Amino acid sequence: MPANKRNTRSTWADPDDAPELTDEFFDRAALYHGDKLVRRGRPKSANPKVAVSLRLPSEVLARWKATGAGWQTRMVESLRLHAP
């Protein structure tokens, strides 16, 4: 076998050697309600944001990005202030 190939076969054979199922394991497990997978995470927003495609001059975008982290949020606030 070439040196860059990994051995992907499992070495675990004895069911008594199975790892302990901890609370962390169950916290990360998929949750089902009947046959339906229940999604975890942030609940759906009552007022979700909408993805748009917008063409901007490169220098304008560069100036916004140069303001550092959070530039998109600041851009939205600026648009909100100037919206009719």
PDB file of N, CA and C in Angstrom:
ATOM      1  N   MET A   1       0.854  -1.180   0.000  1.00  0.00           N
ATOM      2  CA  MET A   1       0.000   0.000   0.000  1.00  0.00           C
ATOM      3  C   MET A   1       0.898   1.241   0.000  1.00  0.00           C
ATOM      4  N   PRO A   2       0.568   2.269  -0.821  1.00  0.00           N
ATOM      5  CA  PRO A   2       1.371   3.481  -0.855  1.00  0.00           C
ATOM      6  C   PRO A   2       1.388   4.171   0.511  1.00  0.00           C
ATOM      7  N   ALA A   3       2.454   4.890   0.782  1.00  0.00           N
ATOM      8  CA  ALA A   3       2.641   5.537   2.079  1.00  0.00           C
ATOM      9  C   ALA A   3       1.615   6.641   2.338  1.00  0.00           C
ATOM     10  N   ASN A   4       1.042   7.254   1.298  1.00  0.00           N
ATOM     11  CA  ASN A   4       0.112   8.360   1.505  1.00  0.00           C
ATOM     12  C   ASN A   4      -1.328   7.892   1.719  1.00  0.00           C
ATOM     13  N   LYS A   5      -1.595   6.599   1.622  1.00  0.00           N
ATOM     14  CA  LYS A   5      -2.937   6.062   1.847  1.00  0.00           C
ATOM     15  C   LYS A   5      -3.088   5.734   3.327  1.00  0.00           C
ATOM     16  N   ARG A   6      -4.252   6.053   3.888  1.00  0.00           N
ATOM     17  CA  ARG A   6      -4.501   5.746   5.288  1.00  0.00           C
ATOM     18  C   ARG A   6      -5.260   4.435   5.384  1.00  0.00           C
ATOM     19  N   ASN A   7      -5.028   3.740   6.465  1.00  0.00           N
ATOM     20  CA  ASN A   7      -5.799   2.540   6.744  1.00  0.00           C
ATOM     21  C   ASN A   7      -7.115   2.992   7.362  1.00  0.00           C
ATOM     22  N   THR A   8      -8.225   2.783   6.665  1.00  0.00           N
ATOM     23  CA  THR A   8      -9.514   3.267   7.142  1.00  0.00           C
ATOM     24  C   THR A   8     -10.336   2.169   7.798  1.00  0.00           C
ATOM     25  N   ARG A   9      -9.801   0.997   7.939  1.00  0.00           N
ATOM     26  CA  ARG A   9     -10.534  -0.101   8.570  1.00  0.00           C
ATOM     27  C   ARG A   9     -10.574   0.129  10.071  1.00  0.00           C
ATOM     28  N   SER A  10     -11.707  -0.181  10.678  1.00  0.00           N
ATOM     29  CA  SER A  10     -11.877  -0.025  12.104  1.00  0.00           C
ATOM     30  C   SER A  10     -11.119  -1.109  12.846  1.00  0.00           C
ATOM     31  N   THR A  11     -10.530  -0.764  13.978  1.00  0.00           N
ATOM     32  CA  THR A  11      -9.835  -1.744  14.801  1.00  0.00           C
ATOM     33  C   THR A  11     -10.714  -2.184  15.961  1.00  0.00           C
ATOM     34  N   TRP A  12     -11.893  -1.615  16.106  1.00  0.00           N
ATOM     35  CA  TRP A  12     -12.815  -1.948  17.184  1.00  0.00           C
ATOM     36  C   TRP A  12     -13.561  -3.223  16.832  1.00  0.00           C
ATOM     37  N   ALA A  13     -13.551  -4.204  17.722  1.00  0.00           N
ATOM     38  CA  ALA A  13     -14.203  -5.469  17.422  1.00  0.00           C
ATOM     39  C   ALA A  13     -15.136  -5.925  18.543  1.00  0.00           C
ATOM     40  N   ASP A  14     -14.856  -5.565  19.779  1.00  0.00           N
ATOM     41  CA  ASP A  14     -15.616  -6.059  20.920  1.00  0.00           C
ATOM     42  C   ASP A  14     -16.674  -5.044  21.337  1.00  0.00           C
ATOM     43  N   PRO A  15     -17.977  -5.389  21.257  1.00  0.00           N
ATOM     44  CA  PRO A  15     -19.024  -4.437  21.656  1.00  0.00           C
ATOM     45  C   PRO A  15     -18.898  -3.981  23.098  1.00  0.00           C
ATOM     46  N   ASP A  16     -18.268  -4.772  23.955  1.00  0.00           N
ATOM     47  CA  ASP A  16     -18.076  -4.362  25.352  1.00  0.00           C
ATOM     48  C   ASP A  16     -17.066  -3.227  25.468  1.00  0.00           C
ATOM     49  N   ASP A  17     -16.283  -2.991  24.420  1.00  0.00           N
ATOM     50  CA  ASP A  17     -15.292  -1.914  24.421  1.00  0.00           C
ATOM     51  C   ASP A  17     -15.859  -0.625  23.840  1.00  0.00           C
ATOM     52  N   ALA A  18     -17.164  -0.585  23.574  1.00  0.00           N
ATOM     53  CA  ALA A  18     -17.786   0.605  22.983  1.00  0.00           C
ATOM     54  C   ALA A  18     -17.596   1.790  23.919  1.00  0.00           C
ATOM     55  N   PRO A  19     -17.393   2.993  23.363  1.00  0.00           N
ATOM     56  CA  PRO A  19     -17.223   4.165  24.217  1.00  0.00           C
ATOM     57  C   PRO A  19     -18.507   4.465  24.981  1.00  0.00           C
ATOM     58  N   GLU A  20     -18.352   5.081  26.148  1.00  0.00           N
ATOM     59  CA  GLU A  20     -19.504   5.445  26.966  1.00  0.00           C
ATOM     60  C   GLU A  20     -20.308   6.538  26.265  1.00  0.00           C
ATOM     61  N   LEU A  21     -21.627   6.411  26.289  1.00  0.00           N
ATOM     62  CA  LEU A  21     -22.496   7.426  25.696  1.00  0.00           C
ATOM     63  C   LEU A  21     -22.754   8.499  26.748  1.00  0.00           C
ATOM     64  N   THR A  22     -22.123   9.643  26.549  1.00  0.00           N
ATOM     65  CA  THR A  22     -22.183  10.729  27.523  1.00  0.00           C
ATOM     66  C   THR A  22     -23.312  11.702  27.194  1.00  0.00           C
ATOM     67  N   ASP A  23     -23.585  12.626  28.103  1.00  0.00           N
ATOM     68  CA  ASP A  23     -24.577  13.677  27.858  1.00  0.00           C
ATOM     69  C   ASP A  23     -24.182  14.504  26.645  1.00  0.00           C
ATOM     70  N   GLU A  24     -22.886  14.748  26.475  1.00  0.00           N
ATOM     71  CA  GLU A  24     -22.408  15.522  25.322  1.00  0.00           C
ATOM     72  C   GLU A  24     -22.759  14.814  24.016  1.00  0.00           C
ATOM     73  N   PHE A  25     -22.619  13.494  23.987  1.00  0.00           N
ATOM     74  CA  PHE A  25     -22.969  12.722  22.803  1.00  0.00           C
ATOM     75  C   PHE A  25     -24.439  12.929  22.451  1.00  0.00           C
ATOM     76  N   PHE A  26     -25.314  12.844  23.444  1.00  0.00           N
ATOM     77  CA  PHE A  26     -26.741  12.981  23.197  1.00  0.00           C
ATOM     78  C   PHE A  26     -27.132  14.424  22.889  1.00  0.00           C
ATOM     79  N   ASP A  27     -26.394  15.397  23.439  1.00  0.00           N
ATOM     80  CA  ASP A  27     -26.661  16.809  23.132  1.00  0.00           C
ATOM     81  C   ASP A  27     -26.407  17.103  21.656  1.00  0.00           C
ATOM     82  N   ARG A  28     -25.439  16.403  21.042  1.00  0.00           N
ATOM     83  CA  ARG A  28     -25.095  16.643  19.642  1.00  0.00           C
ATOM     84  C   ARG A  28     -25.869  15.744  18.686  1.00  0.00           C
ATOM     85  N   ALA A  29     -26.646  14.806  19.196  1.00  0.00           N
ATOM     86  CA  ALA A  29     -27.351  13.837  18.354  1.00  0.00           C
ATOM     87  C   ALA A  29     -28.523  14.488  17.619  1.00  0.00           C
ATOM     88  N   ALA A  30     -28.898  13.884  16.493  1.00  0.00           N
ATOM     89  CA  ALA A  30     -30.068  14.351  15.743  1.00  0.00           C
ATOM     90  C   ALA A  30     -31.325  14.036  16.557  1.00  0.00           C
ATOM     91  N   LEU A  31     -32.274  14.933  16.527  1.00  0.00           N
ATOM     92  CA  LEU A  31     -33.508  14.777  17.287  1.00  0.00           C
ATOM     93  C   LEU A  31     -34.660  14.546  16.316  1.00  0.00           C
ATOM     94  N   TYR A  32     -35.414  13.498  16.524  1.00  0.00           N
ATOM     95  CA  TYR A  32     -36.536  13.163  15.653  1.00  0.00           C
ATOM     96  C   TYR A  32     -37.841  13.244  16.429  1.00  0.00           C
ATOM     97  N   HIS A  33     -38.883  13.717  15.761  1.00  0.00           N
ATOM     98  CA  HIS A  33     -40.238  13.678  16.282  1.00  0.00           C
ATOM     99  C   HIS A  33     -40.987  12.763  15.328  1.00  0.00           C
ATOM    100  N   GLY A  34     -41.140  11.490  15.716  1.00  0.00           N
ATOM    101  CA  GLY A  34     -41.645  10.487  14.775  1.00  0.00           C
ATOM    102  C   GLY A  34     -40.596  10.253  13.709  1.00  0.00           C
ATOM    103  N   ASP A  35     -40.977  10.381  12.446  1.00  0.00           N
ATOM    104  CA  ASP A  35     -40.029  10.219  11.340  1.00  0.00           C
ATOM    105  C   ASP A  35     -39.420  11.536  10.894  1.00  0.00           C
ATOM    106  N   LYS A  36     -39.854  12.651  11.483  1.00  0.00           N
ATOM    107  CA  LYS A  36     -39.408  13.970  11.049  1.00  0.00           C
ATOM    108  C   LYS A  36     -38.221  14.445  11.884  1.00  0.00           C
ATOM    109  N   LEU A  37     -37.166  14.857  11.175  1.00  0.00           N
ATOM    110  CA  LEU A  37     -35.988  15.412  11.834  1.00  0.00           C
ATOM    111  C   LEU A  37     -36.314  16.808  12.329  1.00  0.00           C
ATOM    112  N   VAL A  38     -36.102  17.050  13.610  1.00  0.00           N
ATOM    113  CA  VAL A  38     -36.333  18.365  14.202  1.00  0.00           C
ATOM    114  C   VAL A  38     -35.025  19.141  14.096  1.00  0.00           C
ATOM    115  N   ARG A  39     -35.075  20.292  13.474  1.00  0.00           N
ATOM    116  CA  ARG A  39     -33.866  21.102  13.305  1.00  0.00           C
ATOM    117  C   ARG A  39     -33.495  21.771  14.617  1.00  0.00           C
ATOM    118  N   ARG A  40     -32.216  21.780  14.892  1.00  0.00           N
ATOM    119  CA  ARG A  40     -31.714  22.443  16.090  1.00  0.00           C
ATOM    120  C   ARG A  40     -31.176  23.812  15.694  1.00  0.00           C
ATOM    121  N   GLY A  41     -30.831  24.585  16.678  1.00  0.00           N
ATOM    122  CA  GLY A  41     -30.207  25.865  16.415  1.00  0.00           C
ATOM    123  C   GLY A  41     -31.148  27.024  16.613  1.00  0.00           C
ATOM    124  N   ARG A  42     -30.782  28.126  16.035  1.00  0.00           N
ATOM    125  CA  ARG A  42     -31.540  29.358  16.192  1.00  0.00           C
ATOM    126  C   ARG A  42     -32.933  29.209  15.599  1.00  0.00           C
ATOM    127  N   PRO A  43     -33.954  29.656  16.326  1.00  0.00           N
ATOM    128  CA  PRO A  43     -35.309  29.562  15.772  1.00  0.00           C
ATOM    129  C   PRO A  43     -35.482  30.495  14.580  1.00  0.00           C
ATOM    130  N   LYS A  44     -36.456  30.212  13.750  1.00  0.00           N
ATOM    131  CA  LYS A  44     -36.739  31.051  12.585  1.00  0.00           C
ATOM    132  C   LYS A  44     -37.092  32.457  13.046  1.00  0.00           C
ATOM    133  N   SER A  45     -36.570  33.434  12.337  1.00  0.00           N
ATOM    134  CA  SER A  45     -36.836  34.832  12.644  1.00  0.00           C
ATOM    135  C   SER A  45     -38.205  35.231  12.106  1.00  0.00           C
ATOM    136  N   ALA A  46     -38.905  36.075  12.865  1.00  0.00           N
ATOM    137  CA  ALA A  46     -40.193  36.595  12.397  1.00  0.00           C
ATOM    138  C   ALA A  46     -39.983  37.586  11.259  1.00  0.00           C
ATOM    139  N   ASN A  47     -38.792  38.181  11.188  1.00  0.00           N
ATOM    140  CA  ASN A  47     -38.478  39.176  10.173  1.00  0.00           C
ATOM    141  C   ASN A  47     -37.091  38.864   9.582  1.00  0.00           C
ATOM    142  N   PRO A  48     -36.966  37.786   8.788  1.00  0.00           N
ATOM    143  CA  PRO A  48     -35.649  37.367   8.305  1.00  0.00           C
ATOM    144  C   PRO A  48     -35.058  38.336   7.284  1.00  0.00           C
ATOM    145  N   LYS A  49     -33.733  38.331   7.214  1.00  0.00           N
ATOM    146  CA  LYS A  49     -33.043  39.145   6.214  1.00  0.00           C
ATOM    147  C   LYS A  49     -33.176  38.479   4.855  1.00  0.00           C
ATOM    148  N   VAL A  50     -33.017  39.275   3.808  1.00  0.00           N
ATOM    149  CA  VAL A  50     -33.165  38.792   2.436  1.00  0.00           C
ATOM    150  C   VAL A  50     -31.835  38.966   1.721  1.00  0.00           C
ATOM    151  N   ALA A  51     -31.367  37.922   1.055  1.00  0.00           N
ATOM    152  CA  ALA A  51     -30.126  38.006   0.284  1.00  0.00           C
ATOM    153  C   ALA A  51     -30.412  38.732  -1.027  1.00  0.00           C
ATOM    154  N   VAL A  52     -29.533  39.676  -1.379  1.00  0.00           N
ATOM    155  CA  VAL A  52     -29.656  40.406  -2.638  1.00  0.00           C
ATOM    156  C   VAL A  52     -28.301  40.430  -3.332  1.00  0.00           C
ATOM    157  N   SER A  53     -28.330  40.703  -4.608  1.00  0.00           N
ATOM    158  CA  SER A  53     -27.114  40.890  -5.367  1.00  0.00           C
ATOM    159  C   SER A  53     -27.056  42.368  -5.730  1.00  0.00           C
ATOM    160  N   LEU A  54     -25.950  43.014  -5.415  1.00  0.00           N
ATOM    161  CA  LEU A  54     -25.824  44.457  -5.620  1.00  0.00           C
ATOM    162  C   LEU A  54     -24.458  44.748  -6.213  1.00  0.00           C
ATOM    163  N   ARG A  55     -24.440  45.496  -7.291  1.00  0.00           N
ATOM    164  CA  ARG A  55     -23.170  45.858  -7.910  1.00  0.00           C
ATOM    165  C   ARG A  55     -22.751  47.234  -7.406  1.00  0.00           C
ATOM    166  N   LEU A  56     -21.586  47.272  -6.779  1.00  0.00           N
ATOM    167  CA  LEU A  56     -21.044  48.521  -6.225  1.00  0.00           C
ATOM    168  C   LEU A  56     -19.691  48.800  -6.856  1.00  0.00           C
ATOM    169  N   PRO A  57     -19.326  50.075  -6.949  1.00  0.00           N
ATOM    170  CA  PRO A  57     -17.962  50.390  -7.402  1.00  0.00           C
ATOM    171  C   PRO A  57     -16.956  49.796  -6.404  1.00  0.00           C
ATOM    172  N   SER A  58     -15.860  49.267  -6.924  1.00  0.00           N
ATOM    173  CA  SER A  58     -14.881  48.593  -6.061  1.00  0.00           C
ATOM    174  C   SER A  58     -14.329  49.521  -4.978  1.00  0.00           C
ATOM    175  N   GLU A  59     -14.156  50.808  -5.302  1.00  0.00           N
ATOM    176  CA  GLU A  59     -13.608  51.725  -4.283  1.00  0.00           C
ATOM    177  C   GLU A  59     -14.601  51.961  -3.145  1.00  0.00           C
ATOM    178  N   VAL A  60     -15.898  51.935  -3.441  1.00  0.00           N
ATOM    179  CA  VAL A  60     -16.906  52.105  -2.387  1.00  0.00           C
ATOM    180  C   VAL A  60     -16.871  50.906  -1.445  1.00  0.00           C
ATOM    181  N   LEU A  61     -16.850  49.715  -2.018  1.00  0.00           N
ATOM    182  CA  LEU A  61     -16.793  48.513  -1.206  1.00  0.00           C
ATOM    183  C   LEU A  61     -15.498  48.470  -0.393  1.00  0.00           C
ATOM    184  N   ALA A  62     -14.399  48.838  -0.997  1.00  0.00           N
ATOM    185  CA  ALA A  62     -13.116  48.843  -0.288  1.00  0.00           C
ATOM    186  C   ALA A  62     -13.148  49.792   0.901  1.00  0.00           C
ATOM    187  N   ARG A  63     -13.802  50.949   0.746  1.00  0.00           N
ATOM    188  CA  ARG A  63     -13.886  51.909   1.866  1.00  0.00           C
ATOM    189  C   ARG A  63     -14.722  51.339   3.007  1.00  0.00           C
ATOM    190  N   TRP A  64     -15.821  50.655   2.681  1.00  0.00           N
ATOM    191  CA  TRP A  64     -16.632  50.045   3.740  1.00  0.00           C
ATOM    192  C   TRP A  64     -15.840  48.953   4.448  1.00  0.00           C
ATOM    193  N   LYS A  65     -15.177  48.087   3.686  1.00  0.00           N
ATOM    194  CA  LYS A  65     -14.410  46.995   4.287  1.00  0.00           C
ATOM    195  C   LYS A  65     -13.257  47.517   5.138  1.00  0.00           C
ATOM    196  N   ALA A  66     -12.690  48.652   4.750  1.00  0.00           N
ATOM    197  CA  ALA A  66     -11.570  49.229   5.493  1.00  0.00           C
ATOM    198  C   ALA A  66     -11.981  49.693   6.887  1.00  0.00           C
ATOM    199  N   THR A  67     -13.281  49.826   7.129  1.00  0.00           N
ATOM    200  CA  THR A  67     -13.736  50.254   8.460  1.00  0.00           C
ATOM    201  C   THR A  67     -13.675  49.110   9.471  1.00  0.00           C
ATOM    202  N   GLY A  68     -13.339  47.911   9.013  1.00  0.00           N
ATOM    203  CA  GLY A  68     -13.125  46.793   9.931  1.00  0.00           C
ATOM    204  C   GLY A  68     -14.341  45.900  10.092  1.00  0.00           C
ATOM    205  N   ALA A  69     -14.225  44.989  11.051  1.00  0.00           N
ATOM    206  CA  ALA A  69     -15.292  44.017  11.311  1.00  0.00           C
ATOM    207  C   ALA A  69     -16.600  44.736  11.590  1.00  0.00           C
ATOM    208  N   GLY A  70     -17.683  44.186  11.085  1.00  0.00           N
ATOM    209  CA  GLY A  70     -18.998  44.786  11.275  1.00  0.00           C
ATOM    210  C   GLY A  70     -19.378  45.763  10.182  1.00  0.00           C
ATOM    211  N   TRP A  71     -18.586  45.824   9.116  1.00  0.00           N
ATOM    212  CA  TRP A  71     -18.857  46.813   8.060  1.00  0.00           C
ATOM    213  C   TRP A  71     -20.208  46.579   7.403  1.00  0.00           C
ATOM    214  N   GLN A  72     -20.633  45.330   7.277  1.00  0.00           N
ATOM    215  CA  GLN A  72     -21.925  45.050   6.637  1.00  0.00           C
ATOM    216  C   GLN A  72     -23.076  45.584   7.492  1.00  0.00           C
ATOM    217  N   THR A  73     -22.975  45.401   8.795  1.00  0.00           N
ATOM    218  CA  THR A  73     -24.007  45.912   9.706  1.00  0.00           C
ATOM    219  C   THR A  73     -24.056  47.428   9.639  1.00  0.00           C
ATOM    220  N   ARG A  74     -22.879  48.071   9.610  1.00  0.00           N
ATOM    221  CA  ARG A  74     -22.848  49.537   9.509  1.00  0.00           C
ATOM    222  C   ARG A  74     -23.419  50.011   8.175  1.00  0.00           C
ATOM    223  N   MET A  75     -23.176  49.260   7.103  1.00  0.00           N
ATOM    224  CA  MET A  75     -23.721  49.621   5.800  1.00  0.00           C
ATOM    225  C   MET A  75     -25.251  49.539   5.839  1.00  0.00           C
ATOM    226  N   VAL A  76     -25.793  48.507   6.458  1.00  0.00           N
ATOM    227  CA  VAL A  76     -27.239  48.359   6.567  1.00  0.00           C
ATOM    228  C   VAL A  76     -27.825  49.517   7.368  1.00  0.00           C
ATOM    229  N   GLU A  77     -27.185  49.885   8.458  1.00  0.00           N
ATOM    230  CA  GLU A  77     -27.677  51.007   9.267  1.00  0.00           C
ATOM    231  C   GLU A  77     -27.660  52.312   8.468  1.00  0.00           C
ATOM    232  N   SER A  78     -26.617  52.509   7.673  1.00  0.00           N
ATOM    233  CA  SER A  78     -26.540  53.702   6.838  1.00  0.00           C
ATOM    234  C   SER A  78     -27.683  53.709   5.804  1.00  0.00           C
ATOM    235  N   LEU A  79     -27.918  52.554   5.197  1.00  0.00           N
ATOM    236  CA  LEU A  79     -29.024  52.466   4.234  1.00  0.00           C
ATOM    237  C   LEU A  79     -30.369  52.710   4.919  1.00  0.00           C
ATOM    238  N   ARG A  80     -30.510  52.180   6.118  1.00  0.00           N
ATOM    239  CA  ARG A  80     -31.755  52.364   6.860  1.00  0.00           C
ATOM    240  C   ARG A  80     -31.993  53.834   7.180  1.00  0.00           C
ATOM    241  N   LEU A  81     -30.944  54.554   7.549  1.00  0.00           N
ATOM    242  CA  LEU A  81     -31.060  55.977   7.867  1.00  0.00           C
ATOM    243  C   LEU A  81     -31.431  56.824   6.652  1.00  0.00           C
ATOM    244  N   HIS A  82     -30.957  56.395   5.479  1.00  0.00           N
ATOM    245  CA  HIS A  82     -31.172  57.182   4.269  1.00  0.00           C
ATOM    246  C   HIS A  82     -32.356  56.695   3.412  1.00  0.00           C
ATOM    247  N   ALA A  83     -33.024  55.655   3.861  1.00  0.00           N
ATOM    248  CA  ALA A  83     -34.177  55.143   3.104  1.00  0.00           C
ATOM    249  C   ALA A  83     -35.349  56.091   3.235  1.00  0.00           C
ATOM    250  N   PRO A  84     -36.100  56.287   2.159  1.00  0.00           N
ATOM    251  CA  PRO A  84     -37.263  57.188   2.235  1.00  0.00           C
ATOM    252  C   PRO A  84     -38.360  56.616   3.128  1.00  0.00           C
TER     253      PRO A  84
END
